[in-house]
Amino acid sequence: MSHPDEEYRLLVEKWGAAKVRKMAQSGHYDAEMRRPLLAWIAEKNAKRSRMRQLVLITSLVVFFVALFIMFLEAGKIGPAHHS
């Protein structure tokens, strides 16, 4: 028999996480399998959420750095101030 994590991964890939979660919550799997299956899906969702959060923060930082550089360049191009 294969490792349980591998079985859960294959189920999720075949049916999709939302469908597997719904089926598990509806009692389609026995309790022995349901608990680790839902825990595995939750772990995967948490990793995905952290990755999305990291991408969003990185994108915002890059955007604001680029905006700052644009303002600096715009200041150099503007009319020269003579004192």
N, C-alpha and C. Protein backbone atom coordinates (compact mmCIF):
# COMPACT_ATOMS: atom_id res chain seq x y z
N MET A 1 0.84 -1.18 0.00
CA MET A 1 0.00 0.00 0.00
C MET A 1 0.88 1.24 0.00
N SER A 2 0.46 2.27 -0.74
CA SER A 2 1.27 3.48 -0.81
C SER A 2 1.10 4.32 0.44
N HIS A 3 1.95 5.30 0.57
CA HIS A 3 1.92 6.20 1.72
C HIS A 3 0.61 7.01 1.70
N PRO A 4 -0.02 7.20 2.87
CA PRO A 4 -1.31 7.92 2.90
C PRO A 4 -1.26 9.31 2.27
N ASP A 5 -0.16 10.06 2.47
CA ASP A 5 -0.05 11.39 1.86
C ASP A 5 -0.16 11.31 0.35
N GLU A 6 0.43 10.28 -0.21
CA GLU A 6 0.37 10.09 -1.66
C GLU A 6 -1.07 9.81 -2.11
N GLU A 7 -1.78 9.00 -1.34
CA GLU A 7 -3.18 8.71 -1.66
C GLU A 7 -4.02 9.98 -1.62
N TYR A 8 -3.81 10.80 -0.59
CA TYR A 8 -4.58 12.04 -0.46
C TYR A 8 -4.26 12.99 -1.62
N ARG A 9 -3.00 13.07 -1.96
CA ARG A 9 -2.60 13.95 -3.07
C ARG A 9 -3.25 13.50 -4.37
N LEU A 10 -3.25 12.20 -4.60
CA LEU A 10 -3.87 11.67 -5.82
C LEU A 10 -5.38 11.93 -5.84
N LEU A 11 -6.04 11.75 -4.70
CA LEU A 11 -7.48 12.03 -4.62
C LEU A 11 -7.77 13.49 -4.94
N VAL A 12 -7.00 14.36 -4.32
CA VAL A 12 -7.21 15.80 -4.51
C VAL A 12 -6.94 16.19 -5.96
N GLU A 13 -5.88 15.63 -6.56
CA GLU A 13 -5.58 15.94 -7.96
C GLU A 13 -6.69 15.43 -8.88
N LYS A 14 -7.22 14.25 -8.56
CA LYS A 14 -8.24 13.65 -9.42
C LYS A 14 -9.58 14.39 -9.31
N TRP A 15 -10.01 14.68 -8.10
CA TRP A 15 -11.34 15.26 -7.88
C TRP A 15 -11.33 16.77 -7.64
N GLY A 16 -10.21 17.30 -7.23
CA GLY A 16 -10.15 18.71 -6.86
C GLY A 16 -10.38 18.86 -5.37
N ALA A 17 -9.65 19.78 -4.74
CA ALA A 17 -9.69 19.95 -3.29
C ALA A 17 -11.10 20.27 -2.79
N ALA A 18 -11.81 21.15 -3.49
CA ALA A 18 -13.15 21.55 -3.04
C ALA A 18 -14.10 20.35 -3.02
N LYS A 19 -14.04 19.53 -4.07
CA LYS A 19 -14.95 18.38 -4.14
C LYS A 19 -14.59 17.34 -3.07
N VAL A 20 -13.29 17.09 -2.89
CA VAL A 20 -12.87 16.11 -1.88
C VAL A 20 -13.26 16.60 -0.49
N ARG A 21 -13.07 17.91 -0.21
CA ARG A 21 -13.46 18.46 1.09
C ARG A 21 -14.95 18.30 1.31
N LYS A 22 -15.73 18.61 0.29
CA LYS A 22 -17.20 18.51 0.40
C LYS A 22 -17.62 17.05 0.64
N MET A 23 -17.00 16.14 -0.08
CA MET A 23 -17.33 14.72 0.08
C MET A 23 -16.94 14.23 1.47
N ALA A 24 -15.78 14.68 1.98
CA ALA A 24 -15.33 14.26 3.30
C ALA A 24 -16.27 14.81 4.38
N GLN A 25 -16.68 16.06 4.23
CA GLN A 25 -17.57 16.66 5.21
C GLN A 25 -18.97 16.04 5.16
N SER A 26 -19.33 15.48 4.02
CA SER A 26 -20.63 14.84 3.88
C SER A 26 -20.61 13.38 4.33
N GLY A 27 -19.43 12.90 4.75
CA GLY A 27 -19.33 11.55 5.27
C GLY A 27 -19.02 10.49 4.23
N HIS A 28 -18.49 10.87 3.08
CA HIS A 28 -18.18 9.89 2.04
C HIS A 28 -16.94 9.04 2.36
N TYR A 29 -16.09 9.52 3.24
CA TYR A 29 -14.90 8.77 3.63
C TYR A 29 -15.06 8.37 5.10
N ASP A 30 -14.43 7.25 5.46
CA ASP A 30 -14.52 6.86 6.87
C ASP A 30 -13.68 7.81 7.73
N ALA A 31 -13.97 7.85 9.01
CA ALA A 31 -13.33 8.81 9.92
C ALA A 31 -11.81 8.66 9.92
N GLU A 32 -11.34 7.43 9.76
CA GLU A 32 -9.91 7.17 9.76
C GLU A 32 -9.21 7.90 8.61
N MET A 33 -9.89 8.02 7.51
CA MET A 33 -9.31 8.69 6.34
C MET A 33 -9.70 10.16 6.29
N ARG A 34 -10.89 10.50 6.77
CA ARG A 34 -11.42 11.86 6.67
C ARG A 34 -10.54 12.88 7.38
N ARG A 35 -10.19 12.59 8.62
CA ARG A 35 -9.42 13.55 9.43
C ARG A 35 -8.08 13.90 8.78
N PRO A 36 -7.24 12.91 8.43
CA PRO A 36 -5.96 13.27 7.81
C PRO A 36 -6.13 13.89 6.42
N LEU A 37 -7.17 13.49 5.71
CA LEU A 37 -7.41 14.05 4.38
C LEU A 37 -7.74 15.53 4.49
N LEU A 38 -8.64 15.88 5.40
CA LEU A 38 -8.99 17.30 5.60
C LEU A 38 -7.80 18.09 6.14
N ALA A 39 -7.00 17.47 7.00
CA ALA A 39 -5.81 18.14 7.52
C ALA A 39 -4.81 18.40 6.40
N TRP A 40 -4.66 17.43 5.50
CA TRP A 40 -3.74 17.58 4.37
C TRP A 40 -4.21 18.71 3.46
N ILE A 41 -5.51 18.77 3.17
CA ILE A 41 -6.06 19.84 2.32
C ILE A 41 -5.86 21.20 3.00
N ALA A 42 -6.11 21.27 4.30
CA ALA A 42 -5.93 22.53 5.03
C ALA A 42 -4.47 22.98 5.00
N GLU A 43 -3.56 22.04 5.12
CA GLU A 43 -2.13 22.37 5.06
C GLU A 43 -1.76 22.92 3.69
N LYS A 44 -2.26 22.29 2.65
CA LYS A 44 -1.99 22.76 1.29
C LYS A 44 -2.58 24.15 1.07
N ASN A 45 -3.79 24.38 1.57
CA ASN A 45 -4.43 25.69 1.43
C ASN A 45 -3.64 26.76 2.19
N ALA A 46 -3.12 26.41 3.36
CA ALA A 46 -2.33 27.37 4.15
C ALA A 46 -1.05 27.74 3.41
N LYS A 47 -0.40 26.75 2.81
CA LYS A 47 0.82 27.02 2.04
C LYS A 47 0.50 27.92 0.85
N ARG A 48 -0.61 27.66 0.18
CA ARG A 48 -1.01 28.46 -0.96
C ARG A 48 -1.32 29.90 -0.52
N SER A 49 -1.98 30.05 0.62
CA SER A 49 -2.30 31.39 1.14
C SER A 49 -1.03 32.16 1.48
N ARG A 50 -0.07 31.49 2.11
CA ARG A 50 1.19 32.16 2.44
C ARG A 50 1.91 32.58 1.17
N MET A 51 1.88 31.73 0.15
CA MET A 51 2.55 32.06 -1.11
C MET A 51 1.87 33.26 -1.78
N ARG A 52 0.54 33.28 -1.78
CA ARG A 52 -0.18 34.42 -2.36
C ARG A 52 0.14 35.70 -1.60
N GLN A 53 0.21 35.61 -0.28
CA GLN A 53 0.52 36.78 0.53
C GLN A 53 1.94 37.28 0.22
N LEU A 54 2.88 36.38 0.08
CA LEU A 54 4.25 36.75 -0.25
C LEU A 54 4.32 37.42 -1.62
N VAL A 55 3.61 36.87 -2.60
CA VAL A 55 3.59 37.45 -3.94
C VAL A 55 2.97 38.84 -3.91
N LEU A 56 1.89 39.01 -3.17
CA LEU A 56 1.23 40.31 -3.08
C LEU A 56 2.16 41.35 -2.44
N ILE A 57 2.79 41.00 -1.34
CA ILE A 57 3.70 41.94 -0.67
C ILE A 57 4.88 42.29 -1.57
N THR A 58 5.45 41.30 -2.22
CA THR A 58 6.58 41.54 -3.12
C THR A 58 6.16 42.45 -4.27
N SER A 59 4.98 42.20 -4.83
CA SER A 59 4.48 43.04 -5.93
C SER A 59 4.29 44.48 -5.49
N LEU A 60 3.74 44.66 -4.30
CA LEU A 60 3.54 46.03 -3.79
C LEU A 60 4.87 46.74 -3.57
N VAL A 61 5.84 46.04 -3.02
CA VAL A 61 7.15 46.64 -2.79
C VAL A 61 7.78 47.04 -4.12
N VAL A 62 7.75 46.16 -5.11
CA VAL A 62 8.32 46.47 -6.43
C VAL A 62 7.58 47.65 -7.05
N PHE A 63 6.26 47.69 -6.94
CA PHE A 63 5.46 48.78 -7.49
C PHE A 63 5.87 50.12 -6.87
N PHE A 64 5.96 50.17 -5.53
CA PHE A 64 6.29 51.43 -4.88
C PHE A 64 7.73 51.85 -5.12
N VAL A 65 8.65 50.91 -5.24
CA VAL A 65 10.03 51.25 -5.58
C VAL A 65 10.08 51.83 -6.99
N ALA A 66 9.36 51.21 -7.93
CA ALA A 66 9.32 51.72 -9.30
C ALA A 66 8.69 53.11 -9.34
N LEU A 67 7.63 53.31 -8.59
CA LEU A 67 6.96 54.61 -8.53
C LEU A 67 7.92 55.66 -7.95
N PHE A 68 8.65 55.31 -6.91
CA PHE A 68 9.62 56.23 -6.31
C PHE A 68 10.69 56.62 -7.31
N ILE A 69 11.20 55.63 -8.04
CA ILE A 69 12.23 55.89 -9.06
C ILE A 69 11.68 56.79 -10.15
N MET A 70 10.44 56.55 -10.56
CA MET A 70 9.82 57.41 -11.59
C MET A 70 9.73 58.85 -11.10
N PHE A 71 9.36 59.06 -9.85
CA PHE A 71 9.28 60.42 -9.31
C PHE A 71 10.66 61.06 -9.24
N LEU A 72 11.67 60.29 -8.88
CA LEU A 72 13.03 60.83 -8.86
C LEU A 72 13.47 61.26 -10.25
N GLU A 73 13.19 60.40 -11.24
CA GLU A 73 13.57 60.72 -12.62
C GLU A 73 12.78 61.92 -13.13
N ALA A 74 11.51 61.99 -12.77
CA ALA A 74 10.68 63.13 -13.21
C ALA A 74 11.23 64.43 -12.62
N GLY A 75 11.75 64.39 -11.42
CA GLY A 75 12.33 65.56 -10.78
C GLY A 75 13.58 66.04 -11.49
N LYS A 76 14.37 65.10 -12.02
CA LYS A 76 15.61 65.46 -12.75
C LYS A 76 15.29 66.08 -14.10
N ILE A 77 14.22 65.65 -14.74
CA ILE A 77 13.88 66.09 -16.10
C ILE A 77 13.22 67.46 -16.08
N GLY A 78 12.58 67.80 -14.99
CA GLY A 78 11.83 69.07 -14.90
C GLY A 78 12.74 70.28 -15.11
N PRO A 79 12.14 71.47 -15.14
CA PRO A 79 12.91 72.69 -15.37
C PRO A 79 13.92 72.91 -14.23
N ALA A 80 15.10 73.40 -14.63
CA ALA A 80 16.16 73.63 -13.64
C ALA A 80 15.83 74.86 -12.83
N HIS A 81 16.05 74.77 -11.54
CA HIS A 81 15.82 75.90 -10.65
C HIS A 81 17.12 76.66 -10.46
N HIS A 82 17.10 77.94 -10.76
CA HIS A 82 18.30 78.76 -10.57
C HIS A 82 18.15 79.58 -9.32
N SER A 83 19.21 79.64 -8.53
CA SER A 83 19.12 80.47 -7.33
C SER A 83 19.85 81.76 -7.48
